[in-house]
Amino acid sequence: MDRQLQIQILLDHYQKPRHRGAFDHADVAMPGGNPGCGDVVTVYLKAADDQEHIEEVTYEGEGCTISMAASSMLLEDVHRGDLTMDQVLELDYHEMIDQLGR
């Protein structure tokens, strides 16, 4: 993917975030980010009845264009069903970067 397309995708997710907002019935609330630079994000997950797949996923937070767009992009993958609950809970920083670098 060329750089210009990556920038367009980032801006699209920043301007029209997917799955943004909190919900009260989450099974998991995962806070994260980098408070030192002002990026703070919490991801909310609701497990499906089989406890393996994800029924609902959202995020809320404040931060720079890249952190907010990246949150939206990662949750798009989760929402599509590309990742199970265990896979999401086990993601580390490098795996998230790989996921965004498609």
PDB file of N, CA and C in Angstrom:
ATOM      1  N   MET A   1       0.847  -1.169   0.000  1.00  0.00           N
ATOM      2  CA  MET A   1       0.000   0.000   0.000  1.00  0.00           C
ATOM      3  C   MET A   1       0.895   1.235   0.000  1.00  0.00           C
ATOM      4  N   ASP A   2       0.630   2.164  -0.888  1.00  0.00           N
ATOM      5  CA  ASP A   2       1.485   3.346  -0.948  1.00  0.00           C
ATOM      6  C   ASP A   2       1.135   4.343   0.158  1.00  0.00           C
ATOM      7  N   ARG A   3       2.050   5.228   0.418  1.00  0.00           N
ATOM      8  CA  ARG A   3       1.934   6.182   1.527  1.00  0.00           C
ATOM      9  C   ARG A   3       0.701   7.064   1.408  1.00  0.00           C
ATOM     10  N   GLN A   4       0.400   7.543   0.208  1.00  0.00           N
ATOM     11  CA  GLN A   4      -0.757   8.422   0.025  1.00  0.00           C
ATOM     12  C   GLN A   4      -2.058   7.706   0.383  1.00  0.00           C
ATOM     13  N   LEU A   5      -2.172   6.449   0.003  1.00  0.00           N
ATOM     14  CA  LEU A   5      -3.367   5.678   0.339  1.00  0.00           C
ATOM     15  C   LEU A   5      -3.460   5.461   1.848  1.00  0.00           C
ATOM     16  N   GLN A   6      -2.334   5.189   2.496  1.00  0.00           N
ATOM     17  CA  GLN A   6      -2.326   5.037   3.953  1.00  0.00           C
ATOM     18  C   GLN A   6      -2.815   6.314   4.631  1.00  0.00           C
ATOM     19  N   ILE A   7      -2.365   7.461   4.152  1.00  0.00           N
ATOM     20  CA  ILE A   7      -2.783   8.742   4.719  1.00  0.00           C
ATOM     21  C   ILE A   7      -4.280   8.944   4.520  1.00  0.00           C
ATOM     22  N   GLN A   8      -4.783   8.624   3.341  1.00  0.00           N
ATOM     23  CA  GLN A   8      -6.217   8.764   3.068  1.00  0.00           C
ATOM     24  C   GLN A   8      -7.048   7.878   3.994  1.00  0.00           C
ATOM     25  N   ILE A   9      -6.586   6.655   4.209  1.00  0.00           N
ATOM     26  CA  ILE A   9      -7.307   5.733   5.094  1.00  0.00           C
ATOM     27  C   ILE A   9      -7.298   6.259   6.526  1.00  0.00           C
ATOM     28  N   LEU A  10      -6.141   6.729   6.994  1.00  0.00           N
ATOM     29  CA  LEU A  10      -6.051   7.299   8.341  1.00  0.00           C
ATOM     30  C   LEU A  10      -6.998   8.481   8.504  1.00  0.00           C
ATOM     31  N   LEU A  11      -6.989   9.391   7.558  1.00  0.00           N
ATOM     32  CA  LEU A  11      -7.855  10.567   7.649  1.00  0.00           C
ATOM     33  C   LEU A  11      -9.328  10.183   7.615  1.00  0.00           C
ATOM     34  N   ASP A  12      -9.672   9.201   6.798  1.00  0.00           N
ATOM     35  CA  ASP A  12     -11.059   8.745   6.738  1.00  0.00           C
ATOM     36  C   ASP A  12     -11.509   8.199   8.092  1.00  0.00           C
ATOM     37  N   HIS A  13     -10.668   7.384   8.723  1.00  0.00           N
ATOM     38  CA  HIS A  13     -11.022   6.820  10.029  1.00  0.00           C
ATOM     39  C   HIS A  13     -11.041   7.890  11.111  1.00  0.00           C
ATOM     40  N   TYR A  14     -10.212   8.910  10.991  1.00  0.00           N
ATOM     41  CA  TYR A  14     -10.221   9.991  11.975  1.00  0.00           C
ATOM     42  C   TYR A  14     -11.488  10.834  11.826  1.00  0.00           C
ATOM     43  N   GLN A  15     -11.840  11.162  10.600  1.00  0.00           N
ATOM     44  CA  GLN A  15     -12.999  12.022  10.346  1.00  0.00           C
ATOM     45  C   GLN A  15     -14.325  11.289  10.525  1.00  0.00           C
ATOM     46  N   LYS A  16     -14.332   9.999  10.242  1.00  0.00           N
ATOM     47  CA  LYS A  16     -15.551   9.179  10.369  1.00  0.00           C
ATOM     48  C   LYS A  16     -15.212   7.909  11.147  1.00  0.00           C
ATOM     49  N   PRO A  17     -14.964   8.052  12.451  1.00  0.00           N
ATOM     50  CA  PRO A  17     -14.543   6.889  13.237  1.00  0.00           C
ATOM     51  C   PRO A  17     -15.613   5.803  13.267  1.00  0.00           C
ATOM     52  N   ARG A  18     -15.164   4.588  13.238  1.00  0.00           N
ATOM     53  CA  ARG A  18     -16.044   3.435  13.337  1.00  0.00           C
ATOM     54  C   ARG A  18     -16.038   2.918  14.768  1.00  0.00           C
ATOM     55  N   HIS A  19     -17.197   2.546  15.250  1.00  0.00           N
ATOM     56  CA  HIS A  19     -17.324   1.871  16.548  1.00  0.00           C
ATOM     57  C   HIS A  19     -16.867   2.734  17.723  1.00  0.00           C
ATOM     58  N   ARG A  20     -17.088   4.037  17.649  1.00  0.00           N
ATOM     59  CA  ARG A  20     -16.683   4.933  18.733  1.00  0.00           C
ATOM     60  C   ARG A  20     -17.814   5.073  19.739  1.00  0.00           C
ATOM     61  N   GLY A  21     -17.467   5.036  21.006  1.00  0.00           N
ATOM     62  CA  GLY A  21     -18.427   5.198  22.093  1.00  0.00           C
ATOM     63  C   GLY A  21     -18.320   4.052  23.081  1.00  0.00           C
ATOM     64  N   ALA A  22     -18.767   4.297  24.288  1.00  0.00           N
ATOM     65  CA  ALA A  22     -18.724   3.280  25.343  1.00  0.00           C
ATOM     66  C   ALA A  22     -20.092   2.604  25.440  1.00  0.00           C
ATOM     67  N   PHE A  23     -20.131   1.449  26.070  1.00  0.00           N
ATOM     68  CA  PHE A  23     -21.416   0.835  26.408  1.00  0.00           C
ATOM     69  C   PHE A  23     -21.311   0.173  27.773  1.00  0.00           C
ATOM     70  N   ASP A  24     -22.431   0.144  28.491  1.00  0.00           N
ATOM     71  CA  ASP A  24     -22.460  -0.303  29.884  1.00  0.00           C
ATOM     72  C   ASP A  24     -22.353  -1.811  30.064  1.00  0.00           C
ATOM     73  N   HIS A  25     -22.721  -2.580  29.071  1.00  0.00           N
ATOM     74  CA  HIS A  25     -22.801  -4.030  29.233  1.00  0.00           C
ATOM     75  C   HIS A  25     -21.551  -4.760  28.719  1.00  0.00           C
ATOM     76  N   ALA A  26     -20.416  -4.097  28.725  1.00  0.00           N
ATOM     77  CA  ALA A  26     -19.168  -4.712  28.246  1.00  0.00           C
ATOM     78  C   ALA A  26     -18.693  -5.794  29.215  1.00  0.00           C
ATOM     79  N   ASP A  27     -18.173  -6.868  28.659  1.00  0.00           N
ATOM     80  CA  ASP A  27     -17.538  -7.906  29.470  1.00  0.00           C
ATOM     81  C   ASP A  27     -16.099  -7.520  29.810  1.00  0.00           C
ATOM     82  N   VAL A  28     -15.490  -6.742  28.933  1.00  0.00           N
ATOM     83  CA  VAL A  28     -14.099  -6.322  29.107  1.00  0.00           C
ATOM     84  C   VAL A  28     -13.996  -4.844  28.768  1.00  0.00           C
ATOM     85  N   ALA A  29     -13.303  -4.095  29.617  1.00  0.00           N
ATOM     86  CA  ALA A  29     -12.947  -2.703  29.323  1.00  0.00           C
ATOM     87  C   ALA A  29     -11.433  -2.617  29.462  1.00  0.00           C
ATOM     88  N   MET A  30     -10.753  -2.341  28.348  1.00  0.00           N
ATOM     89  CA  MET A  30      -9.289  -2.343  28.335  1.00  0.00           C
ATOM     90  C   MET A  30      -8.780  -0.917  28.133  1.00  0.00           C
ATOM     91  N   PRO A  31      -8.309  -0.262  29.214  1.00  0.00           N
ATOM     92  CA  PRO A  31      -7.731   1.076  29.044  1.00  0.00           C
ATOM     93  C   PRO A  31      -6.314   0.976  28.494  1.00  0.00           C
ATOM     94  N   GLY A  32      -5.904   1.984  27.767  1.00  0.00           N
ATOM     95  CA  GLY A  32      -4.552   2.003  27.221  1.00  0.00           C
ATOM     96  C   GLY A  32      -4.238   3.354  26.635  1.00  0.00           C
ATOM     97  N   GLY A  33      -3.109   3.426  26.007  1.00  0.00           N
ATOM     98  CA  GLY A  33      -2.691   4.669  25.378  1.00  0.00           C
ATOM     99  C   GLY A  33      -1.375   5.148  25.937  1.00  0.00           C
ATOM    100  N   ASN A  34      -1.117   6.411  25.710  1.00  0.00           N
ATOM    101  CA  ASN A  34       0.103   7.043  26.176  1.00  0.00           C
ATOM    102  C   ASN A  34      -0.268   8.366  26.828  1.00  0.00           C
ATOM    103  N   PRO A  35      -0.595   8.343  28.123  1.00  0.00           N
ATOM    104  CA  PRO A  35      -1.015   9.564  28.795  1.00  0.00           C
ATOM    105  C   PRO A  35       0.041  10.671  28.761  1.00  0.00           C
ATOM    106  N   GLY A  36       1.315  10.297  28.601  1.00  0.00           N
ATOM    107  CA  GLY A  36       2.383  11.292  28.534  1.00  0.00           C
ATOM    108  C   GLY A  36       2.229  12.251  27.374  1.00  0.00           C
ATOM    109  N   CYS A  37       1.660  11.762  26.265  1.00  0.00           N
ATOM    110  CA  CYS A  37       1.443  12.640  25.115  1.00  0.00           C
ATOM    111  C   CYS A  37      -0.037  12.974  24.945  1.00  0.00           C
ATOM    112  N   GLY A  38      -0.872  12.498  25.860  1.00  0.00           N
ATOM    113  CA  GLY A  38      -2.287  12.841  25.824  1.00  0.00           C
ATOM    114  C   GLY A  38      -3.181  11.843  25.116  1.00  0.00           C
ATOM    115  N   ASP A  39      -2.632  10.729  24.640  1.00  0.00           N
ATOM    116  CA  ASP A  39      -3.442   9.713  23.964  1.00  0.00           C
ATOM    117  C   ASP A  39      -3.947   8.704  24.994  1.00  0.00           C
ATOM    118  N   VAL A  40      -5.257   8.655  25.162  1.00  0.00           N
ATOM    119  CA  VAL A  40      -5.872   7.724  26.100  1.00  0.00           C
ATOM    120  C   VAL A  40      -7.063   7.079  25.402  1.00  0.00           C
ATOM    121  N   VAL A  41      -7.103   5.749  25.401  1.00  0.00           N
ATOM    122  CA  VAL A  41      -8.165   5.004  24.727  1.00  0.00           C
ATOM    123  C   VAL A  41      -8.620   3.868  25.636  1.00  0.00           C
ATOM    124  N   THR A  42      -9.916   3.650  25.687  1.00  0.00           N
ATOM    125  CA  THR A  42     -10.474   2.480  26.352  1.00  0.00           C
ATOM    126  C   THR A  42     -11.280   1.703  25.322  1.00  0.00           C
ATOM    127  N   VAL A  43     -11.011   0.406  25.221  1.00  0.00           N
ATOM    128  CA  VAL A  43     -11.726  -0.475  24.298  1.00  0.00           C
ATOM    129  C   VAL A  43     -12.704  -1.312  25.115  1.00  0.00           C
ATOM    130  N   TYR A  44     -13.938  -1.400  24.639  1.00  0.00           N
ATOM    131  CA  TYR A  44     -14.999  -2.167  25.294  1.00  0.00           C
ATOM    132  C   TYR A  44     -15.364  -3.363  24.422  1.00  0.00           C
ATOM    133  N   LEU A  45     -15.414  -4.545  25.033  1.00  0.00           N
ATOM    134  CA  LEU A  45     -15.751  -5.771  24.309  1.00  0.00           C
ATOM    135  C   LEU A  45     -16.901  -6.488  24.998  1.00  0.00           C
ATOM    136  N   LYS A  46     -17.805  -7.000  24.206  1.00  0.00           N
ATOM    137  CA  LYS A  46     -18.890  -7.858  24.689  1.00  0.00           C
ATOM    138  C   LYS A  46     -18.747  -9.193  23.986  1.00  0.00           C
ATOM    139  N   ALA A  47     -18.596 -10.263  24.761  1.00  0.00           N
ATOM    140  CA  ALA A  47     -18.436 -11.601  24.191  1.00  0.00           C
ATOM    141  C   ALA A  47     -19.773 -12.112  23.663  1.00  0.00           C
ATOM    142  N   ALA A  48     -19.693 -12.879  22.588  1.00  0.00           N
ATOM    143  CA  ALA A  48     -20.876 -13.565  22.065  1.00  0.00           C
ATOM    144  C   ALA A  48     -21.232 -14.706  23.018  1.00  0.00           C
ATOM    145  N   ASP A  49     -22.371 -15.315  22.800  1.00  0.00           N
ATOM    146  CA  ASP A  49     -22.815 -16.405  23.677  1.00  0.00           C
ATOM    147  C   ASP A  49     -21.807 -17.545  23.768  1.00  0.00           C
ATOM    148  N   ASP A  50     -21.058 -17.788  22.695  1.00  0.00           N
ATOM    149  CA  ASP A  50     -20.071 -18.876  22.718  1.00  0.00           C
ATOM    150  C   ASP A  50     -18.795 -18.502  23.472  1.00  0.00           C
ATOM    151  N   GLN A  51     -18.713 -17.261  23.942  1.00  0.00           N
ATOM    152  CA  GLN A  51     -17.566 -16.739  24.697  1.00  0.00           C
ATOM    153  C   GLN A  51     -16.262 -16.748  23.911  1.00  0.00           C
ATOM    154  N   GLU A  52     -16.293 -17.116  22.661  1.00  0.00           N
ATOM    155  CA  GLU A  52     -15.091 -17.135  21.830  1.00  0.00           C
ATOM    156  C   GLU A  52     -15.069 -15.949  20.871  1.00  0.00           C
ATOM    157  N   HIS A  53     -16.210 -15.625  20.350  1.00  0.00           N
ATOM    158  CA  HIS A  53     -16.302 -14.541  19.378  1.00  0.00           C
ATOM    159  C   HIS A  53     -16.782 -13.258  20.049  1.00  0.00           C
ATOM    160  N   ILE A  54     -16.643 -12.167  19.361  1.00  0.00           N
ATOM    161  CA  ILE A  54     -16.986 -10.863  19.905  1.00  0.00           C
ATOM    162  C   ILE A  54     -18.301 -10.400  19.301  1.00  0.00           C
ATOM    163  N   GLU A  55     -19.239 -10.076  20.179  1.00  0.00           N
ATOM    164  CA  GLU A  55     -20.556  -9.616  19.742  1.00  0.00           C
ATOM    165  C   GLU A  55     -20.544  -8.121  19.448  1.00  0.00           C
ATOM    166  N   GLU A  56     -19.858  -7.374  20.303  1.00  0.00           N
ATOM    167  CA  GLU A  56     -19.834  -5.920  20.152  1.00  0.00           C
ATOM    168  C   GLU A  56     -18.478  -5.400  20.601  1.00  0.00           C
ATOM    169  N   VAL A  57     -17.993  -4.376  19.927  1.00  0.00           N
ATOM    170  CA  VAL A  57     -16.715  -3.767  20.284  1.00  0.00           C
ATOM    171  C   VAL A  57     -16.782  -2.281  19.965  1.00  0.00           C
ATOM    172  N   THR A  58     -16.364  -1.467  20.918  1.00  0.00           N
ATOM    173  CA  THR A  58     -16.317  -0.021  20.712  1.00  0.00           C
ATOM    174  C   THR A  58     -15.096   0.531  21.441  1.00  0.00           C
ATOM    175  N   TYR A  59     -14.845   1.811  21.220  1.00  0.00           N
ATOM    176  CA  TYR A  59     -13.778   2.484  21.954  1.00  0.00           C
ATOM    177  C   TYR A  59     -14.201   3.920  22.226  1.00  0.00           C
ATOM    178  N   GLU A  60     -13.562   4.504  23.215  1.00  0.00           N
ATOM    179  CA  GLU A  60     -13.685   5.938  23.451  1.00  0.00           C
ATOM    180  C   GLU A  60     -12.312   6.435  23.870  1.00  0.00           C
ATOM    181  N   GLY A  61     -12.047   7.678  23.601  1.00  0.00           N
ATOM    182  CA  GLY A  61     -10.758   8.215  23.975  1.00  0.00           C
ATOM    183  C   GLY A  61     -10.504   9.575  23.382  1.00  0.00           C
ATOM    184  N   GLU A  62      -9.357  10.077  23.714  1.00  0.00           N
ATOM    185  CA  GLU A  62      -8.878  11.365  23.227  1.00  0.00           C
ATOM    186  C   GLU A  62      -7.436  11.183  22.803  1.00  0.00           C
ATOM    187  N   GLY A  63      -7.059  11.871  21.743  1.00  0.00           N
ATOM    188  CA  GLY A  63      -5.677  11.779  21.319  1.00  0.00           C
ATOM    189  C   GLY A  63      -5.465  12.373  19.947  1.00  0.00           C
ATOM    190  N   CYS A  64      -4.298  12.151  19.424  1.00  0.00           N
ATOM    191  CA  CYS A  64      -3.923  12.698  18.129  1.00  0.00           C
ATOM    192  C   CYS A  64      -4.653  11.973  17.001  1.00  0.00           C
ATOM    193  N   THR A  65      -4.542  12.515  15.818  1.00  0.00           N
ATOM    194  CA  THR A  65      -5.186  11.944  14.638  1.00  0.00           C
ATOM    195  C   THR A  65      -4.805  10.482  14.452  1.00  0.00           C
ATOM    196  N   ILE A  66      -3.529  10.187  14.572  1.00  0.00           N
ATOM    197  CA  ILE A  66      -3.067   8.822  14.320  1.00  0.00           C
ATOM    198  C   ILE A  66      -3.599   7.845  15.364  1.00  0.00           C
ATOM    199  N   SER A  67      -3.581   8.205  16.634  1.00  0.00           N
ATOM    200  CA  SER A  67      -4.052   7.257  17.653  1.00  0.00           C
ATOM    201  C   SER A  67      -5.550   7.010  17.540  1.00  0.00           C
ATOM    202  N   MET A  68      -6.316   8.040  17.240  1.00  0.00           N
ATOM    203  CA  MET A  68      -7.763   7.863  17.102  1.00  0.00           C
ATOM    204  C   MET A  68      -8.104   7.079  15.835  1.00  0.00           C
ATOM    205  N   ALA A  69      -7.413   7.367  14.740  1.00  0.00           N
ATOM    206  CA  ALA A  69      -7.642   6.628  13.494  1.00  0.00           C
ATOM    207  C   ALA A  69      -7.213   5.174  13.656  1.00  0.00           C
ATOM    208  N   ALA A  70      -6.093   4.941  14.324  1.00  0.00           N
ATOM    209  CA  ALA A  70      -5.611   3.574  14.533  1.00  0.00           C
ATOM    210  C   ALA A  70      -6.594   2.773  15.383  1.00  0.00           C
ATOM    211  N   SER A  71      -7.188   3.404  16.377  1.00  0.00           N
ATOM    212  CA  SER A  71      -8.196   2.728  17.196  1.00  0.00           C
ATOM    213  C   SER A  71      -9.369   2.293  16.334  1.00  0.00           C
ATOM    214  N   SER A  72      -9.838   3.184  15.497  1.00  0.00           N
ATOM    215  CA  SER A  72     -10.949   2.873  14.596  1.00  0.00           C
ATOM    216  C   SER A  72     -10.583   1.742  13.638  1.00  0.00           C
ATOM    217  N   MET A  73      -9.385   1.798  13.087  1.00  0.00           N
ATOM    218  CA  MET A  73      -8.945   0.785  12.122  1.00  0.00           C
ATOM    219  C   MET A  73      -8.829  -0.599  12.767  1.00  0.00           C
ATOM    220  N   LEU A  74      -8.241  -0.660  13.959  1.00  0.00           N
ATOM    221  CA  LEU A  74      -8.097  -1.948  14.640  1.00  0.00           C
ATOM    222  C   LEU A  74      -9.459  -2.551  14.976  1.00  0.00           C
ATOM    223  N   LEU A  75     -10.378  -1.702  15.416  1.00  0.00           N
ATOM    224  CA  LEU A  75     -11.690  -2.224  15.777  1.00  0.00           C
ATOM    225  C   LEU A  75     -12.488  -2.659  14.559  1.00  0.00           C
ATOM    226  N   GLU A  76     -12.193  -2.096  13.404  1.00  0.00           N
ATOM    227  CA  GLU A  76     -12.816  -2.579  12.169  1.00  0.00           C
ATOM    228  C   GLU A  76     -12.454  -4.041  11.942  1.00  0.00           C
ATOM    229  N   ASP A  77     -11.192  -4.389  12.164  1.00  0.00           N
ATOM    230  CA  ASP A  77     -10.754  -5.782  12.010  1.00  0.00           C
ATOM    231  C   ASP A  77     -11.457  -6.694  13.014  1.00  0.00           C
ATOM    232  N   VAL A  78     -11.566  -6.227  14.246  1.00  0.00           N
ATOM    233  CA  VAL A  78     -12.237  -7.014  15.279  1.00  0.00           C
ATOM    234  C   VAL A  78     -13.716  -7.171  14.922  1.00  0.00           C
ATOM    235  N   HIS A  79     -14.340  -6.095  14.520  1.00  0.00           N
ATOM    236  CA  HIS A  79     -15.770  -6.114  14.207  1.00  0.00           C
ATOM    237  C   HIS A  79     -16.086  -7.036  13.031  1.00  0.00           C
ATOM    238  N   ARG A  80     -15.205  -7.097  12.068  1.00  0.00           N
ATOM    239  CA  ARG A  80     -15.395  -7.979  10.904  1.00  0.00           C
ATOM    240  C   ARG A  80     -15.317  -9.454  11.283  1.00  0.00           C
ATOM    241  N   GLY A  81     -14.828  -9.737  12.484  1.00  0.00           N
ATOM    242  CA  GLY A  81     -14.705 -11.127  12.905  1.00  0.00           C
ATOM    243  C   GLY A  81     -13.358 -11.730  12.586  1.00  0.00           C
ATOM    244  N   ASP A  82     -12.400 -10.877  12.207  1.00  0.00           N
ATOM    245  CA  ASP A  82     -11.065 -11.376  11.887  1.00  0.00           C
ATOM    246  C   ASP A  82     -10.322 -11.886  13.120  1.00  0.00           C
ATOM    247  N   LEU A  83     -10.720 -11.430  14.305  1.00  0.00           N
ATOM    248  CA  LEU A  83     -10.028 -11.803  15.535  1.00  0.00           C
ATOM    249  C   LEU A  83     -11.032 -12.320  16.565  1.00  0.00           C
ATOM    250  N   THR A  84     -10.650 -13.358  17.303  1.00  0.00           N
ATOM    251  CA  THR A  84     -11.488 -13.868  18.391  1.00  0.00           C
ATOM    252  C   THR A  84     -11.194 -13.074  19.661  1.00  0.00           C
ATOM    253  N   MET A  85     -11.995 -13.309  20.702  1.00  0.00           N
ATOM    254  CA  MET A  85     -11.798 -12.636  21.985  1.00  0.00           C
ATOM    255  C   MET A  85     -10.398 -12.915  22.519  1.00  0.00           C
ATOM    256  N   ASP A  86      -9.964 -14.176  22.513  1.00  0.00           N
ATOM    257  CA  ASP A  86      -8.625 -14.516  23.013  1.00  0.00           C
ATOM    258  C   ASP A  86      -7.533 -13.821  22.208  1.00  0.00           C
ATOM    259  N   GLN A  87      -7.685 -13.775  20.890  1.00  0.00           N
ATOM    260  CA  GLN A  87      -6.678 -13.117  20.052  1.00  0.00           C
ATOM    261  C   GLN A  87      -6.586 -11.629  20.369  1.00  0.00           C
ATOM    262  N   VAL A  88      -7.716 -10.993  20.585  1.00  0.00           N
ATOM    263  CA  VAL A  88      -7.711  -9.566  20.918  1.00  0.00           C
ATOM    264  C   VAL A  88      -7.041  -9.343  22.264  1.00  0.00           C
ATOM    265  N   LEU A  89      -7.396 -10.154  23.251  1.00  0.00           N
ATOM    266  CA  LEU A  89      -6.837  -9.978  24.593  1.00  0.00           C
ATOM    267  C   LEU A  89      -5.338 -10.267  24.640  1.00  0.00           C
ATOM    268  N   GLU A  90      -4.834 -11.051  23.694  1.00  0.00           N
ATOM    269  CA  GLU A  90      -3.415 -11.400  23.663  1.00  0.00           C
ATOM    270  C   GLU A  90      -2.578 -10.500  22.755  1.00  0.00           C
ATOM    271  N   LEU A  91      -3.212  -9.575  22.038  1.00  0.00           N
ATOM    272  CA  LEU A  91      -2.453  -8.699  21.137  1.00  0.00           C
ATOM    273  C   LEU A  91      -1.414  -7.898  21.905  1.00  0.00           C
ATOM    274  N   ASP A  92      -0.231  -7.800  21.353  1.00  0.00           N
ATOM    275  CA  ASP A  92       0.768  -6.907  21.927  1.00  0.00           C
ATOM    276  C   ASP A  92       1.030  -5.769  20.937  1.00  0.00           C
ATOM    277  N   TYR A  93       1.858  -4.847  21.349  1.00  0.00           N
ATOM    278  CA  TYR A  93       2.125  -3.645  20.552  1.00  0.00           C
ATOM    279  C   TYR A  93       2.551  -3.981  19.123  1.00  0.00           C
ATOM    280  N   HIS A  94       3.490  -4.890  18.970  1.00  0.00           N
ATOM    281  CA  HIS A  94       4.029  -5.208  17.643  1.00  0.00           C
ATOM    282  C   HIS A  94       2.978  -5.855  16.741  1.00  0.00           C
ATOM    283  N   GLU A  95       2.126  -6.684  17.336  1.00  0.00           N
ATOM    284  CA  GLU A  95       1.053  -7.293  16.548  1.00  0.00           C
ATOM    285  C   GLU A  95       0.049  -6.238  16.079  1.00  0.00           C
ATOM    286  N   MET A  96      -0.215  -5.260  16.937  1.00  0.00           N
ATOM    287  CA  MET A  96      -1.126  -4.184  16.534  1.00  0.00           C
ATOM    288  C   MET A  96      -0.530  -3.357  15.402  1.00  0.00           C
ATOM    289  N   ILE A  97       0.748  -3.094  15.470  1.00  0.00           N
ATOM    290  CA  ILE A  97       1.413  -2.346  14.401  1.00  0.00           C
ATOM    291  C   ILE A  97       1.355  -3.140  13.100  1.00  0.00           C
ATOM    292  N   ASP A  98       1.608  -4.440  13.174  1.00  0.00           N
ATOM    293  CA  ASP A  98       1.501  -5.291  11.983  1.00  0.00           C
ATOM    294  C   ASP A  98       0.088  -5.263  11.419  1.00  0.00           C
ATOM    295  N   GLN A  99      -0.894  -5.306  12.304  1.00  0.00           N
ATOM    296  CA  GLN A  99      -2.294  -5.287  11.891  1.00  0.00           C
ATOM    297  C   GLN A  99      -2.613  -3.997  11.127  1.00  0.00           C
ATOM    298  N   LEU A 100      -2.058  -2.890  11.566  1.00  0.00           N
ATOM    299  CA  LEU A 100      -2.301  -1.598  10.912  1.00  0.00           C
ATOM    300  C   LEU A 100      -1.511  -1.446   9.625  1.00  0.00           C
ATOM    301  N   GLY A 101      -0.402  -2.163   9.521  1.00  0.00           N
ATOM    302  CA  GLY A 101       0.477  -2.005   8.374  1.00  0.00           C
ATOM    303  C   GLY A 101       0.060  -2.765   7.144  1.00  0.00           C
ATOM    304  N   ARG A 102      -1.008  -3.512   7.214  1.00  0.00           N
ATOM    305  CA  ARG A 102      -1.489  -4.337   6.119  1.00  0.00           C
ATOM    306  C   ARG A 102      -0.841  -4.027   4.823  1.00  0.00           C
TER     307      ARG A 102
END
